[in-house]
Amino acid sequence: MKDVELFIFPEKYLLSKVEKSRYQYSSFFEIDKKTLCGWRNFCSKHAVTFHDLLCASIGIALRLCCQNDVCIPQNLLINSVKSTREESCYDEVVGCFLHTQSIKINLAKTDKVEHLAKQVQRAVLETSAYQSSSILVKLAAIGSLNCSKKSIKPFFISLIEMMLSSHRKRLYHLSSPVLSACKRLAKLNPKRGFVININIWNNLFLENQKNISRFFGTTCQTIPSGNNDLLNVQDVLDVCVFKDFEKNTSFLVLSANLKPAFREQLGRVLLNLLD
C-alpha cells in the first residue's frame, strides 16, 4: 500500500459548498438486457469476474475523463464493499456485516480493459490472505496520504487511549494497529483525494426476484432508483450496480460530491467501456 494513491479530481469537477445543498450526489444510468448479456459473455470469454471487469473499467474511465486536467496516479486504490461473514461465530447473529476488499491497479501498464481486468484478478488472489484486516488499517497504510502536522486530533486519541488503558481489565482488548491507524487518519488532509468504492449487488444478473414481501415482521422496501441518493458522503466515489425488479431494469449508480455533468460524462464513458 506504500505506493498506492487516492484519485484527486480537478477542482472544477467538485461541488462547491452552495451546490452541495442544491444537487443530488447520485446519478442513475439504466442498463439494458443486451448490455448485461454482453458483460456475461466478456467475463466468460476472458475468464474474469464482473468485479474484475468493473474495477478495470472504472480505472480506465477515470483516466479518460481526467487525463487532460490532472496527473493520473500510477497505482490506484479501489475498494470492493461486500456483505460477508468472515468468522463462523457470526453465523447465528442477525445483522449486516460489511467487508471491504482493497486492491491496487496499475493504470500505466495498459489501456485495454481485458488486460487490466486480468491484473485485478491477480491482485485479488495475491492479497486474499490480508483482506481480513480492518479498512482503517488499510487506508492508514497508504504511503501517499497527505497528513497535516498541525492536527490536534491525534493528541486526543492518545489521551483517550491512555485513559482507557488504566481500565484494561474491565474493557475489551484495545487493538494497537487500529489505534495507530486512527491517529494517522486523524491527521489526513481531507482535500487530498477520493476513496473509490465498488458495490455489486447480488441481484444484478437475476431474472426473477425471490418472493419475500415481509422480513422479521416488517415490509420489504424497494431500492430507490432516481429520486434519492444511494450514498451521500464527502470524498467517496461509490460505483454501484443493482437490479430494480419493480421496474425490471438494472442500474449503474455513481455517487460522489462531483458535479452532475461530470458524473454524467463519467457514467457514459464507463458504460461504453463495459459495452
C-alpha atoms as a PDB file:
ATOM      1  CA  MET A   1       0.000   0.000   0.000  1.00  0.00           C
ATOM      2  CA  LYS A   2       3.035   2.281   0.259  1.00  0.00           C
ATOM      3  CA  ASP A   3       2.946   3.187  -3.447  1.00  0.00           C
ATOM      4  CA  VAL A   4      -0.859   3.436  -3.693  1.00  0.00           C
ATOM      5  CA  GLU A   5      -2.567   6.789  -4.339  1.00  0.00           C
ATOM      6  CA  LEU A   6      -6.067   8.166  -3.960  1.00  0.00           C
ATOM      7  CA  PHE A   7      -7.656   9.781  -7.003  1.00  0.00           C
ATOM      8  CA  ILE A   8      -7.578  13.588  -6.951  1.00  0.00           C
ATOM      9  CA  PHE A   9     -10.312  15.175  -9.071  1.00  0.00           C
ATOM     10  CA  PRO A  10      -9.782  18.649 -10.575  1.00  0.00           C
ATOM     11  CA  GLU A  11     -11.368  21.409  -8.507  1.00  0.00           C
ATOM     12  CA  LYS A  12     -13.705  22.349 -11.368  1.00  0.00           C
ATOM     13  CA  TYR A  13     -15.483  18.982 -11.117  1.00  0.00           C
ATOM     14  CA  LEU A  14     -16.205  19.201  -7.374  1.00  0.00           C
ATOM     15  CA  LEU A  15     -19.446  20.515  -5.911  1.00  0.00           C
ATOM     16  CA  SER A  16     -18.998  23.792  -4.056  1.00  0.00           C
ATOM     17  CA  LYS A  17     -20.485  24.367  -0.593  1.00  0.00           C
ATOM     18  CA  VAL A  18     -23.502  26.115  -2.145  1.00  0.00           C
ATOM     19  CA  GLU A  19     -24.012  23.431  -4.815  1.00  0.00           C
ATOM     20  CA  LYS A  20     -23.959  20.581  -2.273  1.00  0.00           C
ATOM     21  CA  SER A  21     -27.363  21.657  -0.974  1.00  0.00           C
ATOM     22  CA  ARG A  22     -28.821  22.060  -4.485  1.00  0.00           C
ATOM     23  CA  TYR A  23     -27.732  18.886  -6.241  1.00  0.00           C
ATOM     24  CA  GLN A  24     -28.053  15.186  -5.565  1.00  0.00           C
ATOM     25  CA  TYR A  25     -24.934  13.103  -5.036  1.00  0.00           C
ATOM     26  CA  SER A  26     -26.168  10.125  -7.111  1.00  0.00           C
ATOM     27  CA  SER A  27     -26.557   9.781 -10.885  1.00  0.00           C
ATOM     28  CA  PHE A  28     -28.539   6.803 -12.245  1.00  0.00           C
ATOM     29  CA  PHE A  29     -27.877   5.089 -15.591  1.00  0.00           C
ATOM     30  CA  GLU A  30     -30.168   2.386 -16.987  1.00  0.00           C
ATOM     31  CA  ILE A  31     -28.578  -0.860 -18.156  1.00  0.00           C
ATOM     32  CA  ASP A  32     -30.449  -2.803 -20.833  1.00  0.00           C
ATOM     33  CA  LYS A  33     -30.578  -6.602 -21.062  1.00  0.00           C
ATOM     34  CA  LYS A  34     -28.330  -6.641 -24.133  1.00  0.00           C
ATOM     35  CA  THR A  35     -25.585  -4.898 -22.159  1.00  0.00           C
ATOM     36  CA  LEU A  36     -25.935  -7.356 -19.245  1.00  0.00           C
ATOM     37  CA  CYS A  37     -25.637 -10.245 -21.692  1.00  0.00           C
ATOM     38  CA  GLY A  38     -22.537  -8.620 -23.180  1.00  0.00           C
ATOM     39  CA  TRP A  39     -20.935  -8.373 -19.739  1.00  0.00           C
ATOM     40  CA  ARG A  40     -21.563 -12.062 -19.133  1.00  0.00           C
ATOM     41  CA  ASN A  41     -20.061 -13.006 -22.494  1.00  0.00           C
ATOM     42  CA  PHE A  42     -16.982 -10.824 -21.887  1.00  0.00           C
ATOM     43  CA  CYS A  43     -16.357 -12.386 -18.473  1.00  0.00           C
ATOM     44  CA  SER A  44     -16.803 -15.876 -19.879  1.00  0.00           C
ATOM     45  CA  LYS A  45     -14.509 -15.218 -22.855  1.00  0.00           C
ATOM     46  CA  HIS A  46     -11.654 -13.765 -20.773  1.00  0.00           C
ATOM     47  CA  ALA A  47     -12.194 -15.942 -17.657  1.00  0.00           C
ATOM     48  CA  VAL A  48     -12.674 -12.983 -15.282  1.00  0.00           C
ATOM     49  CA  THR A  49     -15.424 -11.988 -12.867  1.00  0.00           C
ATOM     50  CA  PHE A  50     -17.705  -8.987 -13.293  1.00  0.00           C
ATOM     51  CA  HIS A  51     -15.916  -7.462 -10.275  1.00  0.00           C
ATOM     52  CA  ASP A  52     -12.627  -7.641 -12.215  1.00  0.00           C
ATOM     53  CA  LEU A  53     -14.266  -6.083 -15.268  1.00  0.00           C
ATOM     54  CA  LEU A  54     -15.886  -3.220 -13.320  1.00  0.00           C
ATOM     55  CA  CYS A  55     -12.700  -2.341 -11.397  1.00  0.00           C
ATOM     56  CA  ALA A  56     -10.706  -2.230 -14.628  1.00  0.00           C
ATOM     57  CA  SER A  57     -13.335  -0.153 -16.431  1.00  0.00           C
ATOM     58  CA  ILE A  58     -13.668   2.486 -13.692  1.00  0.00           C
ATOM     59  CA  GLY A  59      -9.889   2.915 -13.615  1.00  0.00           C
ATOM     60  CA  ILE A  60      -9.702   3.491 -17.373  1.00  0.00           C
ATOM     61  CA  ALA A  61     -12.821   5.709 -17.359  1.00  0.00           C
ATOM     62  CA  LEU A  62     -11.303   7.991 -14.711  1.00  0.00           C
ATOM     63  CA  ARG A  63      -8.134   8.297 -16.748  1.00  0.00           C
ATOM     64  CA  LEU A  64     -10.016   9.113 -19.972  1.00  0.00           C
ATOM     65  CA  CYS A  65     -12.174  11.765 -18.287  1.00  0.00           C
ATOM     66  CA  CYS A  66      -9.432  13.494 -16.279  1.00  0.00           C
ATOM     67  CA  GLN A  67      -6.108  12.925 -18.068  1.00  0.00           C
ATOM     68  CA  ASN A  68      -6.085  16.445 -19.529  1.00  0.00           C
ATOM     69  CA  ASP A  69      -6.767  18.134 -16.172  1.00  0.00           C
ATOM     70  CA  VAL A  70      -4.837  16.234 -13.510  1.00  0.00           C
ATOM     71  CA  CYS A  71      -1.892  13.898 -13.027  1.00  0.00           C
ATOM     72  CA  ILE A  72      -3.307  10.356 -13.113  1.00  0.00           C
ATOM     73  CA  PRO A  73      -1.959   8.146 -10.293  1.00  0.00           C
ATOM     74  CA  GLN A  74       0.078   5.174 -11.459  1.00  0.00           C
ATOM     75  CA  ASN A  75      -1.201   2.845  -8.729  1.00  0.00           C
ATOM     76  CA  LEU A  76      -4.847   3.485  -7.880  1.00  0.00           C
ATOM     77  CA  LEU A  77      -6.659   2.169  -4.805  1.00  0.00           C
ATOM     78  CA  ILE A  78     -10.095   0.583  -5.351  1.00  0.00           C
ATOM     79  CA  ASN A  79     -12.245  -0.872  -2.569  1.00  0.00           C
ATOM     80  CA  SER A  80     -14.933  -3.504  -3.061  1.00  0.00           C
ATOM     81  CA  VAL A  81     -17.724  -3.473  -0.473  1.00  0.00           C
ATOM     82  CA  LYS A  82     -19.183  -6.924   0.203  1.00  0.00           C
ATOM     83  CA  SER A  83     -21.722  -8.342   2.617  1.00  0.00           C
ATOM     84  CA  THR A  84     -19.859 -11.326   4.054  1.00  0.00           C
ATOM     85  CA  ARG A  85     -19.266 -13.007   7.392  1.00  0.00           C
ATOM     86  CA  GLU A  86     -15.585 -13.772   7.808  1.00  0.00           C
ATOM     87  CA  GLU A  87     -15.954 -15.738  11.051  1.00  0.00           C
ATOM     88  CA  SER A  88     -18.237 -18.682  11.805  1.00  0.00           C
ATOM     89  CA  CYS A  89     -19.078 -17.141  15.198  1.00  0.00           C
ATOM     90  CA  TYR A  90     -21.214 -14.565  13.335  1.00  0.00           C
ATOM     91  CA  ASP A  91     -23.432 -17.192  11.685  1.00  0.00           C
ATOM     92  CA  GLU A  92     -26.096 -17.027  14.376  1.00  0.00           C
ATOM     93  CA  VAL A  93     -26.114 -13.223  14.576  1.00  0.00           C
ATOM     94  CA  VAL A  94     -28.783 -11.159  12.814  1.00  0.00           C
ATOM     95  CA  GLY A  95     -27.346  -8.129  11.042  1.00  0.00           C
ATOM     96  CA  CYS A  96     -25.493  -6.810   8.012  1.00  0.00           C
ATOM     97  CA  PHE A  97     -21.752  -7.482   8.046  1.00  0.00           C
ATOM     98  CA  LEU A  98     -19.830  -5.389   5.533  1.00  0.00           C
ATOM     99  CA  HIS A  99     -16.345  -6.382   4.452  1.00  0.00           C
ATOM    100  CA  THR A 100     -14.085  -4.150   2.349  1.00  0.00           C
ATOM    101  CA  GLN A 101     -11.593  -5.686  -0.063  1.00  0.00           C
ATOM    102  CA  SER A 102      -8.827  -3.267  -1.102  1.00  0.00           C
ATOM    103  CA  ILE A 103      -6.659  -3.710  -4.175  1.00  0.00           C
ATOM    104  CA  LYS A 104      -4.361  -1.533  -6.255  1.00  0.00           C
ATOM    105  CA  ILE A 105      -4.300  -1.401 -10.044  1.00  0.00           C
ATOM    106  CA  ASN A 106      -1.504  -0.057 -12.210  1.00  0.00           C
ATOM    107  CA  LEU A 107      -3.067   2.259 -14.799  1.00  0.00           C
ATOM    108  CA  ALA A 108       0.258   2.855 -16.574  1.00  0.00           C
ATOM    109  CA  LYS A 109       0.761  -0.700 -17.809  1.00  0.00           C
ATOM    110  CA  THR A 110      -2.187  -0.996 -20.200  1.00  0.00           C
ATOM    111  CA  ASP A 111      -5.185   0.826 -21.644  1.00  0.00           C
ATOM    112  CA  LYS A 112      -7.114  -2.329 -22.584  1.00  0.00           C
ATOM    113  CA  VAL A 113      -9.972  -3.404 -20.337  1.00  0.00           C
ATOM    114  CA  GLU A 114      -9.296  -7.128 -20.690  1.00  0.00           C
ATOM    115  CA  HIS A 115      -5.625  -6.756 -19.684  1.00  0.00           C
ATOM    116  CA  LEU A 116      -6.443  -4.575 -16.680  1.00  0.00           C
ATOM    117  CA  ALA A 117      -9.225  -6.975 -15.641  1.00  0.00           C
ATOM    118  CA  LYS A 118      -6.650  -9.794 -15.544  1.00  0.00           C
ATOM    119  CA  GLN A 119      -4.414  -7.579 -13.408  1.00  0.00           C
ATOM    120  CA  VAL A 120      -7.302  -7.026 -10.978  1.00  0.00           C
ATOM    121  CA  GLN A 121      -7.917 -10.776 -10.858  1.00  0.00           C
ATOM    122  CA  ARG A 122      -4.264 -11.427  -9.925  1.00  0.00           C
ATOM    123  CA  ALA A 123      -4.341  -8.669  -7.294  1.00  0.00           C
ATOM    124  CA  VAL A 124      -7.418 -10.212  -5.641  1.00  0.00           C
ATOM    125  CA  LEU A 125      -5.700 -13.609  -5.418  1.00  0.00           C
ATOM    126  CA  GLU A 126      -2.385 -12.212  -4.184  1.00  0.00           C
ATOM    127  CA  THR A 127      -3.955 -10.102  -1.405  1.00  0.00           C
ATOM    128  CA  SER A 128      -6.629 -12.551  -0.226  1.00  0.00           C
ATOM    129  CA  ALA A 129      -4.588 -13.505   2.866  1.00  0.00           C
ATOM    130  CA  TYR A 130      -4.532  -9.886   4.093  1.00  0.00           C
ATOM    131  CA  GLN A 131      -8.090  -8.772   3.332  1.00  0.00           C
ATOM    132  CA  SER A 132      -9.409  -9.589   6.809  1.00  0.00           C
ATOM    133  CA  SER A 133      -7.605  -6.500   8.134  1.00  0.00           C
ATOM    134  CA  SER A 134      -9.706  -3.510   9.130  1.00  0.00           C
ATOM    135  CA  ILE A 135     -10.373  -0.911   6.447  1.00  0.00           C
ATOM    136  CA  LEU A 136      -8.926   1.676   8.865  1.00  0.00           C
ATOM    137  CA  VAL A 137      -5.592  -0.152   8.862  1.00  0.00           C
ATOM    138  CA  LYS A 138      -5.624  -0.451   5.067  1.00  0.00           C
ATOM    139  CA  LEU A 139      -6.322   3.238   4.475  1.00  0.00           C
ATOM    140  CA  ALA A 140      -3.764   4.330   7.055  1.00  0.00           C
ATOM    141  CA  ALA A 141      -1.107   2.241   5.278  1.00  0.00           C
ATOM    142  CA  ILE A 142      -1.374   4.320   2.091  1.00  0.00           C
ATOM    143  CA  GLY A 143       2.034   5.891   1.644  1.00  0.00           C
ATOM    144  CA  SER A 144       0.814   8.894  -0.356  1.00  0.00           C
ATOM    145  CA  LEU A 145      -1.558  10.223   2.321  1.00  0.00           C
ATOM    146  CA  ASN A 146      -1.015  13.936   2.876  1.00  0.00           C
ATOM    147  CA  CYS A 147      -1.101  14.326   6.655  1.00  0.00           C
ATOM    148  CA  SER A 148      -1.148  17.658   8.432  1.00  0.00           C
ATOM    149  CA  LYS A 149       1.429  18.046  11.188  1.00  0.00           C
ATOM    150  CA  LYS A 150      -0.678  20.691  12.938  1.00  0.00           C
ATOM    151  CA  SER A 151      -3.685  18.456  13.609  1.00  0.00           C
ATOM    152  CA  ILE A 152      -4.639  18.182  17.282  1.00  0.00           C
ATOM    153  CA  LYS A 153      -6.881  15.114  16.795  1.00  0.00           C
ATOM    154  CA  PRO A 154      -4.074  12.535  17.310  1.00  0.00           C
ATOM    155  CA  PHE A 155      -3.329  14.091  20.712  1.00  0.00           C
ATOM    156  CA  PHE A 156      -6.896  13.453  21.884  1.00  0.00           C
ATOM    157  CA  ILE A 157      -6.784   9.895  20.507  1.00  0.00           C
ATOM    158  CA  SER A 158      -3.590   9.233  22.505  1.00  0.00           C
ATOM    159  CA  LEU A 159      -5.180  10.786  25.588  1.00  0.00           C
ATOM    160  CA  ILE A 160      -8.265   8.557  25.294  1.00  0.00           C
ATOM    161  CA  GLU A 161      -6.033   5.514  24.753  1.00  0.00           C
ATOM    162  CA  MET A 162      -4.081   6.333  27.917  1.00  0.00           C
ATOM    163  CA  MET A 163      -7.266   6.799  29.959  1.00  0.00           C
ATOM    164  CA  LEU A 164      -8.784   3.539  28.749  1.00  0.00           C
ATOM    165  CA  SER A 165      -5.578   1.580  29.332  1.00  0.00           C
ATOM    166  CA  SER A 166      -5.988   2.116  33.086  1.00  0.00           C
ATOM    167  CA  HIS A 167      -9.264   0.162  32.885  1.00  0.00           C
ATOM    168  CA  ARG A 168      -7.936  -2.566  30.590  1.00  0.00           C
ATOM    169  CA  LYS A 169      -9.110  -5.359  32.911  1.00  0.00           C
ATOM    170  CA  ARG A 170     -12.711  -4.229  32.606  1.00  0.00           C
ATOM    171  CA  LEU A 171     -12.638  -3.466  28.860  1.00  0.00           C
ATOM    172  CA  TYR A 172     -12.108  -5.432  25.701  1.00  0.00           C
ATOM    173  CA  HIS A 173      -8.554  -5.577  24.390  1.00  0.00           C
ATOM    174  CA  LEU A 174      -7.630  -2.412  22.505  1.00  0.00           C
ATOM    175  CA  SER A 175      -6.102  -3.110  19.099  1.00  0.00           C
ATOM    176  CA  SER A 176      -2.816  -1.211  18.758  1.00  0.00           C
ATOM    177  CA  PRO A 177      -2.794  -1.329  14.904  1.00  0.00           C
ATOM    178  CA  VAL A 178      -6.309   0.123  14.774  1.00  0.00           C
ATOM    179  CA  LEU A 179      -5.446   2.899  17.257  1.00  0.00           C
ATOM    180  CA  SER A 180      -2.289   3.741  15.280  1.00  0.00           C
ATOM    181  CA  ALA A 181      -4.367   3.838  12.087  1.00  0.00           C
ATOM    182  CA  CYS A 182      -6.861   6.216  13.734  1.00  0.00           C
ATOM    183  CA  LYS A 183      -4.029   8.562  14.710  1.00  0.00           C
ATOM    184  CA  ARG A 184      -2.686   8.656  11.152  1.00  0.00           C
ATOM    185  CA  LEU A 185      -6.110   9.124   9.560  1.00  0.00           C
ATOM    186  CA  ALA A 186      -6.928  11.891  12.057  1.00  0.00           C
ATOM    187  CA  LYS A 187      -4.071  13.922  10.550  1.00  0.00           C
ATOM    188  CA  LEU A 188      -5.288  13.373   6.998  1.00  0.00           C
ATOM    189  CA  ASN A 189      -5.866  16.401   4.809  1.00  0.00           C
ATOM    190  CA  PRO A 190      -9.492  15.887   3.651  1.00  0.00           C
ATOM    191  CA  LYS A 191      -8.837  17.585   0.303  1.00  0.00           C
ATOM    192  CA  ARG A 192      -6.233  15.119  -0.855  1.00  0.00           C
ATOM    193  CA  GLY A 193      -8.151  12.546  -2.836  1.00  0.00           C
ATOM    194  CA  PHE A 194     -11.216  10.364  -3.208  1.00  0.00           C
ATOM    195  CA  VAL A 195     -11.728   6.834  -1.966  1.00  0.00           C
ATOM    196  CA  ILE A 196     -13.242   4.697  -4.758  1.00  0.00           C
ATOM    197  CA  ASN A 197     -15.735   2.003  -3.726  1.00  0.00           C
ATOM    198  CA  ILE A 198     -17.256  -0.728  -5.908  1.00  0.00           C
ATOM    199  CA  ASN A 199     -20.599  -2.157  -4.789  1.00  0.00           C
ATOM    200  CA  ILE A 200     -22.095  -5.007  -6.855  1.00  0.00           C
ATOM    201  CA  TRP A 201     -25.497  -6.200  -5.623  1.00  0.00           C
ATOM    202  CA  ASN A 202     -26.100  -9.929  -5.848  1.00  0.00           C
ATOM    203  CA  ASN A 203     -29.413  -9.402  -7.693  1.00  0.00           C
ATOM    204  CA  LEU A 204     -27.791  -7.800 -10.773  1.00  0.00           C
ATOM    205  CA  PHE A 205     -27.975 -10.859 -13.045  1.00  0.00           C
ATOM    206  CA  LEU A 206     -31.093 -12.439 -11.538  1.00  0.00           C
ATOM    207  CA  GLU A 207     -34.101 -12.899 -13.811  1.00  0.00           C
ATOM    208  CA  ASN A 208     -36.706 -13.121 -11.051  1.00  0.00           C
ATOM    209  CA  GLN A 209     -36.854 -11.741  -7.530  1.00  0.00           C
ATOM    210  CA  LYS A 210     -37.302 -14.094  -4.598  1.00  0.00           C
ATOM    211  CA  ASN A 211     -40.852 -13.793  -3.294  1.00  0.00           C
ATOM    212  CA  ILE A 212     -40.131 -12.096   0.034  1.00  0.00           C
ATOM    213  CA  SER A 213     -42.681  -9.423   0.944  1.00  0.00           C
ATOM    214  CA  ARG A 214     -42.048  -9.356   4.697  1.00  0.00           C
ATOM    215  CA  PHE A 215     -38.915  -9.911   6.769  1.00  0.00           C
ATOM    216  CA  PHE A 216     -38.844 -10.081  10.596  1.00  0.00           C
ATOM    217  CA  GLY A 217     -42.339  -8.612  10.697  1.00  0.00           C
ATOM    218  CA  THR A 218     -41.516  -5.582   8.537  1.00  0.00           C
ATOM    219  CA  THR A 219     -42.440  -4.861   4.930  1.00  0.00           C
ATOM    220  CA  CYS A 220     -39.553  -5.036   2.461  1.00  0.00           C
ATOM    221  CA  GLN A 221     -38.795  -1.724   0.764  1.00  0.00           C
ATOM    222  CA  THR A 222     -37.766  -1.332  -2.861  1.00  0.00           C
ATOM    223  CA  ILE A 223     -34.428   0.213  -3.833  1.00  0.00           C
ATOM    224  CA  PRO A 224     -34.771   3.906  -4.799  1.00  0.00           C
ATOM    225  CA  SER A 225     -33.844   4.429  -8.442  1.00  0.00           C
ATOM    226  CA  GLY A 226     -33.658   8.054  -9.469  1.00  0.00           C
ATOM    227  CA  ASN A 227     -35.300  10.067  -6.711  1.00  0.00           C
ATOM    228  CA  ASN A 228     -32.885   9.615  -3.804  1.00  0.00           C
ATOM    229  CA  ASP A 229     -29.165   9.423  -3.166  1.00  0.00           C
ATOM    230  CA  LEU A 230     -27.798   5.935  -2.645  1.00  0.00           C
ATOM    231  CA  LEU A 231     -24.817   7.451  -0.828  1.00  0.00           C
ATOM    232  CA  ASN A 232     -24.169  10.966   0.419  1.00  0.00           C
ATOM    233  CA  VAL A 233     -20.576  11.010   1.681  1.00  0.00           C
ATOM    234  CA  GLN A 234     -17.808  13.511   1.095  1.00  0.00           C
ATOM    235  CA  ASP A 235     -14.756  12.486  -0.971  1.00  0.00           C
ATOM    236  CA  VAL A 236     -16.016   8.980  -1.756  1.00  0.00           C
ATOM    237  CA  LEU A 237     -16.831   7.845  -5.303  1.00  0.00           C
ATOM    238  CA  ASP A 238     -19.250   4.925  -4.972  1.00  0.00           C
ATOM    239  CA  VAL A 239     -19.888   2.817  -8.085  1.00  0.00           C
ATOM    240  CA  CYS A 240     -22.968   0.663  -7.519  1.00  0.00           C
ATOM    241  CA  VAL A 241     -24.811  -1.754  -9.839  1.00  0.00           C
ATOM    242  CA  PHE A 242     -28.125  -3.426  -8.999  1.00  0.00           C
ATOM    243  CA  LYS A 243     -31.472  -4.522 -10.429  1.00  0.00           C
ATOM    244  CA  ASP A 244     -34.820  -2.885  -9.650  1.00  0.00           C
ATOM    245  CA  PHE A 245     -37.397  -5.681 -10.020  1.00  0.00           C
ATOM    246  CA  GLU A 246     -40.382  -3.297  -9.850  1.00  0.00           C
ATOM    247  CA  LYS A 247     -39.131  -1.551 -12.988  1.00  0.00           C
ATOM    248  CA  ASN A 248     -37.488  -4.729 -14.321  1.00  0.00           C
ATOM    249  CA  THR A 249     -34.411  -2.602 -15.034  1.00  0.00           C
ATOM    250  CA  SER A 250     -30.786  -2.729 -13.925  1.00  0.00           C
ATOM    251  CA  PHE A 251     -28.928   0.440 -12.938  1.00  0.00           C
ATOM    252  CA  LEU A 252     -25.416   1.776 -12.677  1.00  0.00           C
ATOM    253  CA  VAL A 253     -25.230   4.463  -9.982  1.00  0.00           C
ATOM    254  CA  LEU A 254     -22.350   6.888  -9.422  1.00  0.00           C
ATOM    255  CA  SER A 255     -22.465   8.689  -6.067  1.00  0.00           C
ATOM    256  CA  ALA A 256     -19.995  11.430  -5.092  1.00  0.00           C
ATOM    257  CA  ASN A 257     -19.708  15.131  -4.342  1.00  0.00           C
ATOM    258  CA  LEU A 258     -18.989  15.709  -8.043  1.00  0.00           C
ATOM    259  CA  LYS A 259     -20.916  17.966 -10.404  1.00  0.00           C
ATOM    260  CA  PRO A 260     -23.850  16.228 -12.160  1.00  0.00           C
ATOM    261  CA  ALA A 261     -22.473  16.997 -15.643  1.00  0.00           C
ATOM    262  CA  PHE A 262     -19.178  15.302 -14.838  1.00  0.00           C
ATOM    263  CA  ARG A 263     -20.908  12.307 -13.226  1.00  0.00           C
ATOM    264  CA  GLU A 264     -22.970  12.003 -16.413  1.00  0.00           C
ATOM    265  CA  GLN A 265     -19.825  12.100 -18.547  1.00  0.00           C
ATOM    266  CA  LEU A 266     -18.028   9.557 -16.347  1.00  0.00           C
ATOM    267  CA  GLY A 267     -21.035   7.232 -16.359  1.00  0.00           C
ATOM    268  CA  ARG A 268     -21.358   7.296 -20.148  1.00  0.00           C
ATOM    269  CA  VAL A 269     -17.642   6.625 -20.640  1.00  0.00           C
ATOM    270  CA  LEU A 270     -17.810   3.767 -18.125  1.00  0.00           C
ATOM    271  CA  LEU A 271     -20.802   2.160 -19.849  1.00  0.00           C
ATOM    272  CA  ASN A 272     -19.101   2.486 -23.254  1.00  0.00           C
ATOM    273  CA  LEU A 273     -16.037   0.677 -21.893  1.00  0.00           C
ATOM    274  CA  LEU A 274     -18.211  -2.057 -20.405  1.00  0.00           C
ATOM    275  CA  ASP A 275     -20.285  -2.440 -23.575  1.00  0.00           C
END
